[in-house]
């Protein structure tokens, strides 16, 4: 039986995750908070610039993709 994807476990169902953290996905630790001055989400991986999204439908896939890119970037740095 394959291991369950932790991203799907955190964000399964109709409700987005609780704001806060730290969360970890693909080796990338991050926090989620309310976007300042508007409804939405602010995502910030440790050591990276924050990103803001207007809805969870927008944020969820973007966070997944961003964590994948950061993870690969960090792995490449370790190989040098």
PDB file of N, CA and C in Angstrom:
ATOM      1  N   UNK A   1       0.847  -1.183   0.000  1.00  0.00           N
ATOM      2  CA  UNK A   1       0.000   0.000   0.000  1.00  0.00           C
ATOM      3  C   UNK A   1       0.895   1.249   0.000  1.00  0.00           C
ATOM      4  N   UNK A   2       0.633   2.154  -0.899  1.00  0.00           N
ATOM      5  CA  UNK A   2       1.437   3.371  -1.018  1.00  0.00           C
ATOM      6  C   UNK A   2       1.158   4.310   0.152  1.00  0.00           C
ATOM      7  N   UNK A   3       2.178   5.061   0.524  1.00  0.00           N
ATOM      8  CA  UNK A   3       2.020   6.041   1.608  1.00  0.00           C
ATOM      9  C   UNK A   3       1.081   7.148   1.149  1.00  0.00           C
ATOM     10  N   UNK A   4       0.260   7.618   2.068  1.00  0.00           N
ATOM     11  CA  UNK A   4      -0.681   8.688   1.749  1.00  0.00           C
ATOM     12  C   UNK A   4       0.054  10.015   1.602  1.00  0.00           C
ATOM     13  N   UNK A   5      -0.323  10.776   0.614  1.00  0.00           N
ATOM     14  CA  UNK A   5       0.282  12.080   0.362  1.00  0.00           C
ATOM     15  C   UNK A   5      -0.115  13.030   1.489  1.00  0.00           C
ATOM     16  N   UNK A   6       0.844  13.620   2.223  1.00  0.00           N
ATOM     17  CA  UNK A   6       0.495  14.486   3.355  1.00  0.00           C
ATOM     18  C   UNK A   6      -0.266  15.739   2.932  1.00  0.00           C
ATOM     19  N   UNK A   7      -0.056  16.216   1.710  1.00  0.00           N
ATOM     20  CA  UNK A   7      -0.780  17.399   1.231  1.00  0.00           C
ATOM     21  C   UNK A   7      -2.275  17.083   1.152  1.00  0.00           C
ATOM     22  N   UNK A   8      -2.606  15.929   0.592  1.00  0.00           N
ATOM     23  CA  UNK A   8      -4.016  15.536   0.495  1.00  0.00           C
ATOM     24  C   UNK A   8      -4.616  15.311   1.880  1.00  0.00           C
ATOM     25  N   UNK A   9      -3.813  14.803   2.796  1.00  0.00           N
ATOM     26  CA  UNK A   9      -4.310  14.574   4.146  1.00  0.00           C
ATOM     27  C   UNK A   9      -4.629  15.904   4.837  1.00  0.00           C
ATOM     28  N   UNK A  10      -3.751  16.911   4.671  1.00  0.00           N
ATOM     29  CA  UNK A  10      -3.998  18.217   5.290  1.00  0.00           C
ATOM     30  C   UNK A  10      -5.200  18.920   4.678  1.00  0.00           C
ATOM     31  N   UNK A  11      -5.389  18.754   3.373  1.00  0.00           N
ATOM     32  CA  UNK A  11      -6.392  19.554   2.683  1.00  0.00           C
ATOM     33  C   UNK A  11      -7.437  18.729   1.965  1.00  0.00           C
ATOM     34  N   UNK A  12      -7.809  17.611   2.527  1.00  0.00           N
ATOM     35  CA  UNK A  12      -8.870  16.827   1.906  1.00  0.00           C
ATOM     36  C   UNK A  12     -10.226  17.376   2.347  1.00  0.00           C
ATOM     37  N   UNK A  13     -11.203  17.127   1.567  1.00  0.00           N
ATOM     38  CA  UNK A  13     -12.540  17.590   1.898  1.00  0.00           C
ATOM     39  C   UNK A  13     -12.819  18.974   1.363  1.00  0.00           C
ATOM     40  N   UNK A  14     -13.936  19.538   1.792  1.00  0.00           N
ATOM     41  CA  UNK A  14     -14.368  20.823   1.272  1.00  0.00           C
ATOM     42  C   UNK A  14     -13.717  22.008   1.966  1.00  0.00           C
ATOM     43  N   UNK A  15     -13.215  21.801   3.166  1.00  0.00           N
ATOM     44  CA  UNK A  15     -12.687  22.914   3.940  1.00  0.00           C
ATOM     45  C   UNK A  15     -11.176  23.044   3.764  1.00  0.00           C
ATOM     46  N   UNK A  16     -10.672  24.257   3.603  1.00  0.00           N
ATOM     47  CA  UNK A  16      -9.226  24.451   3.566  1.00  0.00           C
ATOM     48  C   UNK A  16      -8.626  24.245   4.954  1.00  0.00           C
ATOM     49  N   UNK A  17      -7.304  24.192   5.055  1.00  0.00           N
ATOM     50  CA  UNK A  17      -6.671  23.976   6.358  1.00  0.00           C
ATOM     51  C   UNK A  17      -6.826  25.193   7.256  1.00  0.00           C
ATOM     52  N   UNK A  18      -6.565  24.973   8.515  1.00  0.00           N
ATOM     53  CA  UNK A  18      -6.553  26.101   9.453  1.00  0.00           C
ATOM     54  C   UNK A  18      -5.361  26.983   9.125  1.00  0.00           C
ATOM     55  N   UNK A  19      -5.546  28.269   9.273  1.00  0.00           N
ATOM     56  CA  UNK A  19      -4.407  29.172   9.096  1.00  0.00           C
ATOM     57  C   UNK A  19      -3.458  28.956  10.266  1.00  0.00           C
ATOM     58  N   UNK A  20      -2.199  29.114  10.019  1.00  0.00           N
ATOM     59  CA  UNK A  20      -1.202  28.896  11.054  1.00  0.00           C
ATOM     60  C   UNK A  20      -0.052  28.083  10.505  1.00  0.00           C
ATOM     61  N   UNK A  21       0.354  27.130  11.272  1.00  0.00           N
ATOM     62  CA  UNK A  21       1.466  26.304  10.861  1.00  0.00           C
ATOM     63  C   UNK A  21       2.435  26.178  12.018  1.00  0.00           C
ATOM     64  N   UNK A  22       3.606  25.720  11.813  1.00  0.00           N
ATOM     65  CA  UNK A  22       4.124  25.424  10.492  1.00  0.00           C
ATOM     66  C   UNK A  22       3.586  24.101   9.954  1.00  0.00           C
ATOM     67  N   UNK A  23       3.395  24.081   8.661  1.00  0.00           N
ATOM     68  CA  UNK A  23       3.070  22.868   7.923  1.00  0.00           C
ATOM     69  C   UNK A  23       4.333  22.436   7.197  1.00  0.00           C
ATOM     70  N   UNK A  24       4.356  21.189   6.763  1.00  0.00           N
ATOM     71  CA  UNK A  24       5.479  20.719   5.958  1.00  0.00           C
ATOM     72  C   UNK A  24       4.927  19.869   4.827  1.00  0.00           C
ATOM     73  N   UNK A  25       5.430  20.114   3.631  1.00  0.00           N
ATOM     74  CA  UNK A  25       5.032  19.359   2.445  1.00  0.00           C
ATOM     75  C   UNK A  25       6.230  19.247   1.525  1.00  0.00           C
ATOM     76  N   UNK A  26       6.567  18.045   1.139  1.00  0.00           N
ATOM     77  CA  UNK A  26       7.716  17.778   0.266  1.00  0.00           C
ATOM     78  C   UNK A  26       9.005  18.359   0.840  1.00  0.00           C
ATOM     79  N   UNK A  27       9.131  18.346   2.169  1.00  0.00           N
ATOM     80  CA  UNK A  27      10.324  18.843   2.825  1.00  0.00           C
ATOM     81  C   UNK A  27      10.387  20.352   2.955  1.00  0.00           C
ATOM     82  N   UNK A  28       9.324  21.047   2.570  1.00  0.00           N
ATOM     83  CA  UNK A  28       9.283  22.510   2.642  1.00  0.00           C
ATOM     84  C   UNK A  28       8.368  22.901   3.797  1.00  0.00           C
ATOM     85  N   UNK A  29       8.917  23.622   4.762  1.00  0.00           N
ATOM     86  CA  UNK A  29       8.112  24.098   5.896  1.00  0.00           C
ATOM     87  C   UNK A  29       7.554  25.469   5.552  1.00  0.00           C
ATOM     88  N   UNK A  30       6.293  25.701   5.949  1.00  0.00           N
ATOM     89  CA  UNK A  30       5.654  26.973   5.621  1.00  0.00           C
ATOM     90  C   UNK A  30       4.540  27.296   6.595  1.00  0.00           C
ATOM     91  N   UNK A  31       4.128  28.549   6.580  1.00  0.00           N
ATOM     92  CA  UNK A  31       2.991  29.034   7.365  1.00  0.00           C
ATOM     93  C   UNK A  31       1.905  29.521   6.421  1.00  0.00           C
ATOM     94  N   UNK A  32       0.675  29.445   6.884  1.00  0.00           N
ATOM     95  CA  UNK A  32      -0.477  30.002   6.177  1.00  0.00           C
ATOM     96  C   UNK A  32      -1.114  31.047   7.065  1.00  0.00           C
ATOM     97  N   UNK A  33      -1.492  32.177   6.505  1.00  0.00           N
ATOM     98  CA  UNK A  33      -2.159  33.212   7.275  1.00  0.00           C
ATOM     99  C   UNK A  33      -3.159  33.925   6.388  1.00  0.00           C
ATOM    100  N   UNK A  34      -3.933  34.799   6.995  1.00  0.00           N
ATOM    101  CA  UNK A  34      -4.874  35.608   6.224  1.00  0.00           C
ATOM    102  C   UNK A  34      -4.084  36.635   5.427  1.00  0.00           C
ATOM    103  N   UNK A  35      -4.489  36.835   4.187  1.00  0.00           N
ATOM    104  CA  UNK A  35      -3.843  37.868   3.374  1.00  0.00           C
ATOM    105  C   UNK A  35      -4.187  39.225   3.974  1.00  0.00           C
ATOM    106  N   UNK A  36      -3.214  40.097   4.157  1.00  0.00           N
ATOM    107  CA  UNK A  36      -3.494  41.389   4.785  1.00  0.00           C
ATOM    108  C   UNK A  36      -4.422  42.257   3.936  1.00  0.00           C
ATOM    109  N   UNK A  37      -5.433  42.822   4.591  1.00  0.00           N
ATOM    110  CA  UNK A  37      -6.313  43.767   3.931  1.00  0.00           C
ATOM    111  C   UNK A  37      -7.350  43.178   3.001  1.00  0.00           C
ATOM    112  N   UNK A  38      -7.443  41.871   2.929  1.00  0.00           N
ATOM    113  CA  UNK A  38      -8.449  41.268   2.054  1.00  0.00           C
ATOM    114  C   UNK A  38      -8.694  39.827   2.478  1.00  0.00           C
ATOM    115  N   UNK A  39      -9.761  39.270   1.964  1.00  0.00           N
ATOM    116  CA  UNK A  39      -9.977  37.853   2.226  1.00  0.00           C
ATOM    117  C   UNK A  39      -9.045  37.080   1.321  1.00  0.00           C
ATOM    118  N   UNK A  40      -8.524  36.022   1.821  1.00  0.00           N
ATOM    119  CA  UNK A  40      -7.618  35.208   1.032  1.00  0.00           C
ATOM    120  C   UNK A  40      -6.547  34.594   1.899  1.00  0.00           C
ATOM    121  N   UNK A  41      -5.516  34.123   1.247  1.00  0.00           N
ATOM    122  CA  UNK A  41      -4.468  33.358   1.906  1.00  0.00           C
ATOM    123  C   UNK A  41      -3.107  33.951   1.628  1.00  0.00           C
ATOM    124  N   UNK A  42      -2.250  33.897   2.631  1.00  0.00           N
ATOM    125  CA  UNK A  42      -0.852  34.277   2.483  1.00  0.00           C
ATOM    126  C   UNK A  42      -0.034  33.035   2.813  1.00  0.00           C
ATOM    127  N   UNK A  43       0.786  32.633   1.893  1.00  0.00           N
ATOM    128  CA  UNK A  43       1.637  31.462   2.019  1.00  0.00           C
ATOM    129  C   UNK A  43       3.078  31.943   2.091  1.00  0.00           C
ATOM    130  N   UNK A  44       3.827  31.461   3.094  1.00  0.00           N
ATOM    131  CA  UNK A  44       5.245  31.802   3.145  1.00  0.00           C
ATOM    132  C   UNK A  44       6.045  30.589   3.570  1.00  0.00           C
ATOM    133  N   UNK A  45       6.846  30.096   2.636  1.00  0.00           N
ATOM    134  CA  UNK A  45       7.788  29.028   2.951  1.00  0.00           C
ATOM    135  C   UNK A  45       8.978  29.659   3.654  1.00  0.00           C
ATOM    136  N   UNK A  46       9.554  28.951   4.613  1.00  0.00           N
ATOM    137  CA  UNK A  46      10.701  29.477   5.344  1.00  0.00           C
ATOM    138  C   UNK A  46      11.845  29.746   4.374  1.00  0.00           C
ATOM    139  N   UNK A  47      12.381  30.960   4.427  1.00  0.00           N
ATOM    140  CA  UNK A  47      13.480  31.348   3.566  1.00  0.00           C
ATOM    141  C   UNK A  47      13.055  31.853   2.189  1.00  0.00           C
ATOM    142  N   UNK A  48      11.761  31.992   1.955  1.00  0.00           N
ATOM    143  CA  UNK A  48      11.246  32.424   0.656  1.00  0.00           C
ATOM    144  C   UNK A  48      10.349  33.648   0.825  1.00  0.00           C
ATOM    145  N   UNK A  49      10.063  34.323  -0.273  1.00  0.00           N
ATOM    146  CA  UNK A  49       9.165  35.470  -0.262  1.00  0.00           C
ATOM    147  C   UNK A  49       7.715  35.002  -0.100  1.00  0.00           C
ATOM    148  N   UNK A  50       6.865  35.780   0.593  1.00  0.00           N
ATOM    149  CA  UNK A  50       5.457  35.392   0.740  1.00  0.00           C
ATOM    150  C   UNK A  50       4.697  35.511  -0.583  1.00  0.00           C
ATOM    151  N   UNK A  51       3.632  34.726  -0.689  1.00  0.00           N
ATOM    152  CA  UNK A  51       2.740  34.757  -1.857  1.00  0.00           C
ATOM    153  C   UNK A  51       1.322  34.916  -1.329  1.00  0.00           C
ATOM    154  N   UNK A  52       0.481  35.678  -2.028  1.00  0.00           N
ATOM    155  CA  UNK A  52      -0.906  35.875  -1.612  1.00  0.00           C
ATOM    156  C   UNK A  52      -1.856  35.361  -2.682  1.00  0.00           C
ATOM    157  N   UNK A  53      -2.970  34.792  -2.207  1.00  0.00           N
ATOM    158  CA  UNK A  53      -3.975  34.216  -3.093  1.00  0.00           C
ATOM    159  C   UNK A  53      -5.352  34.663  -2.629  1.00  0.00           C
ATOM    160  N   UNK A  54      -6.250  34.858  -3.564  1.00  0.00           N
ATOM    161  CA  UNK A  54      -7.589  35.336  -3.244  1.00  0.00           C
ATOM    162  C   UNK A  54      -8.527  34.267  -2.718  1.00  0.00           C
ATOM    163  N   UNK A  55      -8.275  33.001  -3.056  1.00  0.00           N
ATOM    164  CA  UNK A  55      -9.167  31.928  -2.621  1.00  0.00           C
ATOM    165  C   UNK A  55      -8.362  30.660  -2.407  1.00  0.00           C
ATOM    166  N   UNK A  56      -8.967  29.700  -1.692  1.00  0.00           N
ATOM    167  CA  UNK A  56      -8.282  28.432  -1.493  1.00  0.00           C
ATOM    168  C   UNK A  56      -8.193  27.656  -2.798  1.00  0.00           C
ATOM    169  N   UNK A  57      -9.176  27.804  -3.674  1.00  0.00           N
ATOM    170  CA  UNK A  57      -9.140  27.108  -4.961  1.00  0.00           C
ATOM    171  C   UNK A  57      -7.916  27.537  -5.768  1.00  0.00           C
ATOM    172  N   UNK A  58      -7.515  28.774  -5.617  1.00  0.00           N
ATOM    173  CA  UNK A  58      -6.317  29.299  -6.271  1.00  0.00           C
ATOM    174  C   UNK A  58      -5.063  28.899  -5.488  1.00  0.00           C
ATOM    175  N   UNK A  59      -5.136  28.991  -4.166  1.00  0.00           N
ATOM    176  CA  UNK A  59      -3.961  28.781  -3.316  1.00  0.00           C
ATOM    177  C   UNK A  59      -3.500  27.330  -3.279  1.00  0.00           C
ATOM    178  N   UNK A  60      -4.415  26.392  -3.115  1.00  0.00           N
ATOM    179  CA  UNK A  60      -4.040  24.984  -2.945  1.00  0.00           C
ATOM    180  C   UNK A  60      -3.120  24.456  -4.037  1.00  0.00           C
ATOM    181  N   UNK A  61      -3.535  24.525  -5.313  1.00  0.00           N
ATOM    182  CA  UNK A  61      -2.660  24.030  -6.385  1.00  0.00           C
ATOM    183  C   UNK A  61      -1.351  24.818  -6.497  1.00  0.00           C
ATOM    184  N   UNK A  62      -1.403  26.122  -6.269  1.00  0.00           N
ATOM    185  CA  UNK A  62      -0.189  26.940  -6.362  1.00  0.00           C
ATOM    186  C   UNK A  62       0.793  26.587  -5.246  1.00  0.00           C
ATOM    187  N   UNK A  63       0.283  26.325  -4.050  1.00  0.00           N
ATOM    188  CA  UNK A  63       1.152  25.931  -2.936  1.00  0.00           C
ATOM    189  C   UNK A  63       1.813  24.589  -3.240  1.00  0.00           C
ATOM    190  N   UNK A  64       1.040  23.664  -3.762  1.00  0.00           N
ATOM    191  CA  UNK A  64       1.588  22.358  -4.147  1.00  0.00           C
ATOM    192  C   UNK A  64       2.731  22.546  -5.144  1.00  0.00           C
ATOM    193  N   UNK A  65       2.502  23.294  -6.200  1.00  0.00           N
ATOM    194  CA  UNK A  65       3.513  23.507  -7.236  1.00  0.00           C
ATOM    195  C   UNK A  65       4.727  24.250  -6.676  1.00  0.00           C
ATOM    196  N   UNK A  66       4.491  25.255  -5.872  1.00  0.00           N
ATOM    197  CA  UNK A  66       5.588  26.038  -5.289  1.00  0.00           C
ATOM    198  C   UNK A  66       6.461  25.167  -4.389  1.00  0.00           C
ATOM    199  N   UNK A  67       5.844  24.323  -3.581  1.00  0.00           N
ATOM    200  CA  UNK A  67       6.619  23.428  -2.711  1.00  0.00           C
ATOM    201  C   UNK A  67       7.459  22.457  -3.538  1.00  0.00           C
ATOM    202  N   UNK A  68       6.923  21.978  -4.646  1.00  0.00           N
ATOM    203  CA  UNK A  68       7.682  21.082  -5.513  1.00  0.00           C
ATOM    204  C   UNK A  68       8.906  21.800  -6.080  1.00  0.00           C
ATOM    205  N   UNK A  69       8.726  23.036  -6.551  1.00  0.00           N
ATOM    206  CA  UNK A  69       9.828  23.813  -7.126  1.00  0.00           C
ATOM    207  C   UNK A  69      10.880  24.124  -6.062  1.00  0.00           C
ATOM    208  N   UNK A  70      10.451  24.569  -4.884  1.00  0.00           N
ATOM    209  CA  UNK A  70      11.389  24.886  -3.808  1.00  0.00           C
ATOM    210  C   UNK A  70      12.170  23.638  -3.402  1.00  0.00           C
ATOM    211  N   UNK A  71      11.485  22.515  -3.293  1.00  0.00           N
ATOM    212  CA  UNK A  71      12.134  21.266  -2.907  1.00  0.00           C
ATOM    213  C   UNK A  71      13.219  20.884  -3.913  1.00  0.00           C
ATOM    214  N   UNK A  72      12.912  20.989  -5.199  1.00  0.00           N
ATOM    215  CA  UNK A  72      13.899  20.666  -6.237  1.00  0.00           C
ATOM    216  C   UNK A  72      15.059  21.654  -6.218  1.00  0.00           C
ATOM    217  N   UNK A  73      14.754  22.937  -6.010  1.00  0.00           N
ATOM    218  CA  UNK A  73      15.792  23.967  -5.958  1.00  0.00           C
ATOM    219  C   UNK A  73      16.740  23.708  -4.782  1.00  0.00           C
ATOM    220  N   UNK A  74      16.187  23.375  -3.639  1.00  0.00           N
ATOM    221  CA  UNK A  74      17.018  23.115  -2.464  1.00  0.00           C
ATOM    222  C   UNK A  74      17.846  21.846  -2.640  1.00  0.00           C
ATOM    223  N   UNK A  75      17.272  20.842  -3.274  1.00  0.00           N
ATOM    224  CA  UNK A  75      18.011  19.602  -3.532  1.00  0.00           C
ATOM    225  C   UNK A  75      19.186  19.875  -4.469  1.00  0.00           C
ATOM    226  N   UNK A  76      18.977  20.719  -5.471  1.00  0.00           N
ATOM    227  CA  UNK A  76      20.057  21.053  -6.403  1.00  0.00           C
ATOM    228  C   UNK A  76      21.179  21.792  -5.684  1.00  0.00           C
ATOM    229  N   UNK A  77      20.841  22.668  -4.744  1.00  0.00           N
ATOM    230  CA  UNK A  77      21.867  23.386  -3.968  1.00  0.00           C
ATOM    231  C   UNK A  77      22.706  22.426  -3.134  1.00  0.00           C
ATOM    232  N   UNK A  78      22.063  21.403  -2.586  1.00  0.00           N
ATOM    233  CA  UNK A  78      22.796  20.433  -1.754  1.00  0.00           C
ATOM    234  C   UNK A  78      23.783  19.621  -2.585  1.00  0.00           C
ATOM    235  N   UNK A  79      23.484  19.429  -3.874  1.00  0.00           N
ATOM    236  CA  UNK A  79      24.366  18.633  -4.736  1.00  0.00           C
ATOM    237  C   UNK A  79      25.626  19.389  -5.121  1.00  0.00           C
ATOM    238  N   UNK A  80      25.610  20.695  -5.028  1.00  0.00           N
ATOM    239  CA  UNK A  80      26.765  21.509  -5.440  1.00  0.00           C
ATOM    240  C   UNK A  80      27.876  21.407  -4.433  1.00  0.00           C
TER     241      UNK A  80
END
